[in-house]
Protein backbone atom coordinates (compact mmCIF):
# COMPACT_ATOMS: atom_id res chain seq x y z
CA UNK A 1 0.00 0.00 0.00
CA UNK A 2 2.79 2.46 0.87
CA UNK A 3 4.53 1.97 -2.45
CA UNK A 4 1.26 2.26 -4.27
CA UNK A 5 0.44 5.55 -2.56
CA UNK A 6 3.78 7.05 -3.59
CA UNK A 7 3.26 5.85 -7.13
CA UNK A 8 -0.26 7.27 -7.19
CA UNK A 9 0.88 10.72 -6.17
CA UNK A 10 3.10 12.62 -8.60
CA UNK A 11 3.70 15.33 -6.02
CA UNK A 12 4.72 12.87 -3.36
CA UNK A 13 6.94 11.03 -5.83
CA UNK A 14 8.77 14.27 -6.66
CA UNK A 15 9.24 15.05 -2.99
CA UNK A 16 10.59 11.58 -2.24
CA UNK A 17 12.88 11.66 -5.27
CA UNK A 18 14.22 15.06 -4.26
CA UNK A 19 14.88 13.79 -0.74
CA UNK A 20 16.70 10.73 -2.07
CA UNK A 21 18.86 12.84 -4.39
CA UNK A 22 19.68 15.25 -1.55
CA UNK A 23 20.66 12.33 0.69
CA UNK A 24 22.88 10.84 -2.01
CA UNK A 25 24.60 14.17 -2.57
CA UNK A 26 25.04 14.68 1.16
CA UNK A 27 26.64 11.29 1.73
CA UNK A 28 28.74 11.57 -1.44
CA UNK A 29 30.07 14.89 -0.18
CA UNK A 30 30.74 13.38 3.22
CA UNK A 31 32.59 10.44 1.70
CA UNK A 32 34.67 12.77 -0.47
CA UNK A 33 35.66 14.82 2.54
CA UNK A 34 36.45 11.64 4.51
CA UNK A 35 38.58 10.23 1.72
CA UNK A 36 42.25 9.40 2.15
CA UNK A 37 44.65 11.36 -0.04
CA UNK A 38 46.51 8.87 -2.26
CA UNK A 39 49.70 10.05 -3.96
CA UNK A 40 51.43 7.79 -6.46
CA UNK A 41 55.14 7.62 -7.25
CA UNK A 42 57.20 5.26 -9.36
CA UNK A 43 59.90 3.35 -7.47
CA UNK A 44 63.47 4.43 -8.21
CA UNK A 45 62.31 7.32 -10.35
CA UNK A 46 62.89 11.00 -9.60
CA UNK A 47 62.00 10.59 -5.93
CA UNK A 48 64.26 7.91 -4.49
CA UNK A 49 62.07 7.49 -1.40
CA UNK A 50 58.49 8.21 -0.25
CA UNK A 51 60.06 10.07 2.69
CA UNK A 52 60.85 12.94 0.32
CA UNK A 53 57.14 13.53 -0.22
CA UNK A 54 55.76 13.25 3.31
CA UNK A 55 55.76 16.98 4.13
CA UNK A 56 54.11 17.77 0.81
CA UNK A 57 51.51 15.01 1.33
CA UNK A 58 50.70 16.17 4.87
CA UNK A 59 50.26 19.76 3.71
CA UNK A 60 47.91 18.87 0.83
CA UNK A 61 45.96 16.53 3.13
CA UNK A 62 45.39 19.27 5.71
CA UNK A 63 44.49 21.90 3.12
CA UNK A 64 41.85 19.64 1.56
CA UNK A 65 40.57 18.06 4.81
CA UNK A 66 41.38 14.47 3.87
CA UNK A 67 41.36 12.01 6.78
CA UNK A 68 44.95 10.98 6.08
CA UNK A 69 47.38 10.39 3.28
CA UNK A 70 49.00 7.39 1.68
CA UNK A 71 51.97 7.35 -0.69
CA UNK A 72 51.57 4.49 -3.15
CA UNK A 73 54.83 3.29 -4.65
CA UNK A 74 54.71 1.25 -7.85
CA UNK A 75 57.44 -1.03 -9.21
CA UNK A 76 56.58 -0.83 -12.90
CA UNK A 77 55.69 1.99 -15.30
CA UNK A 78 52.79 -0.06 -16.66
CA UNK A 79 51.35 -0.71 -13.19
CA UNK A 80 51.80 2.95 -12.35
CA UNK A 81 49.97 4.00 -15.52
CA UNK A 82 47.12 1.62 -14.72
CA UNK A 83 46.83 2.95 -11.15
CA UNK A 84 46.47 6.49 -12.46
CA UNK A 85 44.12 5.61 -15.31
CA UNK A 86 41.82 3.76 -12.88
CA UNK A 87 41.68 6.95 -10.77
CA UNK A 88 42.96 5.22 -7.63
CA UNK A 89 45.08 8.25 -6.75
CA UNK A 90 44.29 11.96 -6.59
CA UNK A 91 47.88 13.02 -7.28
CA UNK A 92 50.81 11.24 -8.89
CA UNK A 93 54.36 12.25 -9.69
CA UNK A 94 54.80 11.00 -13.19
CA UNK A 95 57.80 10.87 -15.50
CA UNK A 96 58.09 10.36 -19.21
CA UNK A 97 57.67 6.62 -19.62
CA UNK A 98 54.49 6.16 -17.52
CA UNK A 99 53.02 9.17 -19.30
CA UNK A 100 53.66 7.54 -22.66
CA UNK A 101 52.04 4.33 -21.44
CA UNK A 102 48.97 6.27 -20.32
CA UNK A 103 48.81 7.89 -23.72
CA UNK A 104 48.98 4.45 -25.35
CA UNK A 105 46.43 2.66 -23.16
CA UNK A 106 43.95 5.49 -22.68
CA UNK A 107 44.26 6.97 -26.15
CA UNK A 108 44.50 10.43 -24.61
CA UNK A 109 46.66 12.46 -22.28
CA UNK A 110 45.98 12.37 -18.50
CA UNK A 111 43.36 14.78 -17.17
CA UNK A 112 45.74 17.35 -15.75
CA UNK A 113 49.48 17.58 -15.67
CA UNK A 114 51.62 20.40 -14.37
CA UNK A 115 55.37 20.71 -14.50
CA UNK A 116 57.92 22.19 -12.16
CA UNK A 117 59.15 25.69 -12.82
CA UNK A 118 62.73 24.95 -11.83
CA UNK A 119 63.50 23.24 -15.09
CA UNK A 120 63.81 19.69 -13.86
CA UNK A 121 64.98 18.08 -17.07
CA UNK A 122 66.28 14.57 -17.62
CA UNK A 123 69.33 13.84 -19.71
CA UNK A 124 71.27 10.59 -19.83
CA UNK A 125 74.90 9.86 -20.49
CA UNK A 126 76.68 6.72 -21.64
CA UNK A 127 80.17 6.28 -20.22
CA UNK A 128 83.13 3.89 -20.49
CA UNK A 129 86.59 3.50 -19.03
CA UNK A 130 89.12 5.89 -20.54
CA UNK A 131 91.15 3.04 -22.05
CA UNK A 132 88.06 1.35 -23.53
CA UNK A 133 88.10 0.60 -27.27
CA UNK A 134 84.52 1.95 -27.41
CA UNK A 135 84.67 5.33 -29.13
CA UNK A 136 81.16 5.67 -30.53
CA UNK A 137 77.70 4.37 -29.64
CA UNK A 138 77.92 2.13 -32.71
CA UNK A 139 80.81 0.31 -30.97
CA UNK A 140 78.36 -0.93 -28.32
CA UNK A 141 76.82 -3.48 -30.67
CA UNK A 142 76.86 -6.91 -28.94
CA UNK A 143 78.42 -5.31 -25.84
CA UNK A 144 77.14 -5.28 -22.22
CA UNK A 145 75.73 -2.03 -20.83
CA UNK A 146 75.05 -1.51 -17.11
CA UNK A 147 71.93 0.43 -16.10
CA UNK A 148 71.08 1.64 -12.56
CA UNK A 149 67.42 0.61 -12.63
CA UNK A 150 64.93 -1.04 -14.93
CA UNK A 151 62.33 1.55 -13.85
CA UNK A 152 64.22 4.78 -14.47
CA UNK A 153 63.48 7.16 -17.33
CA UNK A 154 66.94 8.74 -17.29
CA UNK A 155 68.77 5.62 -16.16
CA UNK A 156 67.17 3.18 -18.59
CA UNK A 157 64.42 4.11 -21.05
CA UNK A 158 66.08 7.18 -22.52
CA UNK A 159 69.59 5.69 -23.02
CA UNK A 160 68.17 2.36 -24.27
CA UNK A 161 66.14 4.20 -26.90
CA UNK A 162 69.24 6.16 -27.89
CA UNK A 163 71.45 3.07 -28.25
CA UNK A 164 68.77 1.06 -30.08
CA UNK A 165 68.46 3.75 -32.71
CA UNK A 166 72.13 3.20 -33.51
CA UNK A 167 72.79 -0.54 -33.06
CA UNK A 168 69.25 -1.95 -33.32
CA UNK A 169 66.90 -3.62 -30.84
CA UNK A 170 68.35 -6.65 -29.05
CA UNK A 171 71.92 -6.05 -30.20
CA UNK A 172 73.37 -5.41 -26.74
CA UNK A 173 73.14 -7.03 -23.31
CA UNK A 174 71.68 -5.35 -20.23
CA UNK A 175 73.15 -5.57 -16.72
CA UNK A 176 71.41 -4.31 -13.57
CA UNK A 177 73.37 -4.04 -10.29
CA UNK A 178 71.71 -4.60 -6.91
CA UNK A 179 72.10 -0.90 -6.01
CA UNK A 180 71.51 1.89 -8.50
CA UNK A 181 74.86 3.63 -7.86
CA UNK A 182 76.80 0.37 -8.41
CA UNK A 183 76.48 1.05 -12.13
CA UNK A 184 79.84 2.82 -11.90
CA UNK A 185 81.45 -0.13 -10.14
CA UNK A 186 80.26 -2.57 -12.80
CA UNK A 187 82.04 -0.60 -15.50
CA UNK A 188 85.13 0.00 -13.34
CA UNK A 189 85.48 -3.75 -12.69
CA UNK A 190 84.91 -4.43 -16.42
CA UNK A 191 81.80 -6.49 -15.77
CA UNK A 192 80.14 -4.19 -18.28
CA UNK A 193 81.60 -2.56 -21.38
CA UNK A 194 79.72 0.67 -20.73
CA UNK A 195 77.33 2.24 -18.28
CA UNK A 196 74.31 4.50 -18.71
CA UNK A 197 72.83 6.76 -16.08
CA UNK A 198 71.06 10.04 -15.57
CA UNK A 199 73.46 12.86 -16.34
CA UNK A 200 73.05 14.54 -12.94
CA UNK A 201 74.03 11.28 -11.22
CA UNK A 202 77.15 11.06 -13.36
CA UNK A 203 78.05 14.66 -12.58
CA UNK A 204 77.04 14.84 -8.90
CA UNK A 205 77.15 11.28 -7.51
CA UNK A 206 80.18 9.83 -9.27
CA UNK A 207 82.79 9.14 -6.53
CA UNK A 208 86.06 11.10 -6.84
CA UNK A 209 87.97 7.83 -7.39
CA UNK A 210 86.19 7.34 -10.71
CA UNK A 211 86.35 10.87 -12.06
CA UNK A 212 89.74 10.33 -13.70
CA UNK A 213 89.02 6.87 -15.11
CA UNK A 214 85.75 7.39 -17.04
CA UNK A 215 84.84 9.29 -20.19
CA UNK A 216 81.46 9.86 -21.79
CA UNK A 217 80.66 8.36 -25.17
CA UNK A 218 77.33 10.10 -25.71
CA UNK A 219 74.64 12.23 -24.10
CA UNK A 220 70.94 12.11 -24.93
CA UNK A 221 68.79 15.17 -25.48
CA UNK A 222 67.18 16.79 -22.44
CA UNK A 223 63.48 16.14 -21.89
CA UNK A 224 61.13 17.43 -19.16
CA UNK A 225 61.56 15.06 -16.27
CA UNK A 226 58.88 15.49 -13.64
CA UNK A 227 55.16 16.16 -13.84
CA UNK A 228 52.32 16.07 -11.38
CA UNK A 229 49.08 14.36 -12.38
CA UNK A 230 45.95 15.79 -10.73
CA UNK A 231 42.77 13.72 -10.94
CA UNK A 232 39.75 15.33 -12.54
CA UNK A 233 36.68 15.96 -10.41
CA UNK A 234 35.23 18.61 -8.14
CA UNK A 235 38.30 18.55 -5.88
CA UNK A 236 40.74 19.31 -8.70
CA UNK A 237 40.72 23.11 -8.34
CA UNK A 238 41.32 22.90 -4.58
CA UNK A 239 44.14 20.39 -5.11
CA UNK A 240 45.81 22.71 -7.62
CA UNK A 241 45.50 25.65 -5.21
CA UNK A 242 47.03 23.69 -2.35
CA UNK A 243 49.91 22.43 -4.52
CA UNK A 244 50.70 25.98 -5.60
CA UNK A 245 50.38 27.38 -2.07
CA UNK A 246 52.72 24.71 -0.72
CA UNK A 247 55.38 25.92 -3.11
CA UNK A 248 55.33 29.42 -1.62
CA UNK A 249 54.48 28.56 2.00
CA UNK A 250 57.41 29.74 4.12
CA UNK A 251 56.28 27.80 7.19
CA UNK A 252 56.97 24.46 5.51
CA UNK A 253 60.63 25.22 4.92
CA UNK A 254 62.55 24.02 1.90
CA UNK A 255 61.12 21.32 -0.31
CA UNK A 256 62.11 19.18 -3.24
CA UNK A 257 59.02 20.63 -4.93
CA UNK A 258 59.77 24.18 -5.95
CA UNK A 259 56.66 25.31 -7.78
CA UNK A 260 54.39 24.26 -10.60
CA UNK A 261 52.80 25.79 -13.65
CA UNK A 262 50.06 24.39 -15.90
CA UNK A 263 51.19 23.29 -19.34
CA UNK A 264 49.48 22.20 -22.53
CA UNK A 265 51.41 19.33 -24.01
CA UNK A 266 52.13 18.49 -27.58
CA UNK A 267 52.68 14.88 -26.62
CA UNK A 268 54.13 13.70 -29.92
CA UNK A 269 56.75 16.44 -29.90
CA UNK A 270 57.50 16.26 -26.19
CA UNK A 271 58.06 12.50 -26.15
CA UNK A 272 59.51 12.05 -29.62
CA UNK A 273 62.57 10.33 -28.13
CA UNK A 274 60.60 7.71 -26.24
CA UNK A 275 59.15 4.57 -27.75
CA UNK A 276 56.76 2.32 -25.80
CA UNK A 277 58.47 -1.05 -25.41
């Protein structure tokens, strides 16, 4: 009888429907506010550790009234791309290779990407011992190259693409040490004919002992290295505001994140050096 009465009365039906919609909106809003802030990063990429992001995560959480925050670390570019495309994170620090995967699988660019102002660019270098017979990249055909990480844009994907353009796919062997900075040791001990790493690591991390024994064979072009994905939805504008305010907030002290600006990407031009493997 109760259902029949509601059905018989158009006015009552409208009132009930309006109440249901209001309740849904209310609880949806409550759930959004009670949501945990999830930030994604790719393991061994630009940020070596989640610890580097904790102050940033805590600030964005507080500004947007999330109940807490979680930094989700992924081991593979493909898994990272899938996590973002399934909207399981609100923010994600994304580098070139995951971005290309997203472009491939989604058929479009991510909803929102901003880049750092401080010109964080990635460039790779390929190095050998000074007395090595390797003079050109073409000499690396059928040779062993050491890479710091299988998941690094500057330490793997960029130099591999560069070498493959010269010697062909599958015409060199890959060696991965247990620790990313052991790439220098592998070449020094002649377990690898050459090494490839991000240029800043070669310049800044290379131990003094090795500075006089290595020489570079080639350097790749520089490409933008770090972007921040921001999930679409009603919280996007607030997230952007809090990211920008963190950059200039003096109370937080220094940060690895120095500021962001929106960019419109010409993806084909920006990632012309990178091929999805």
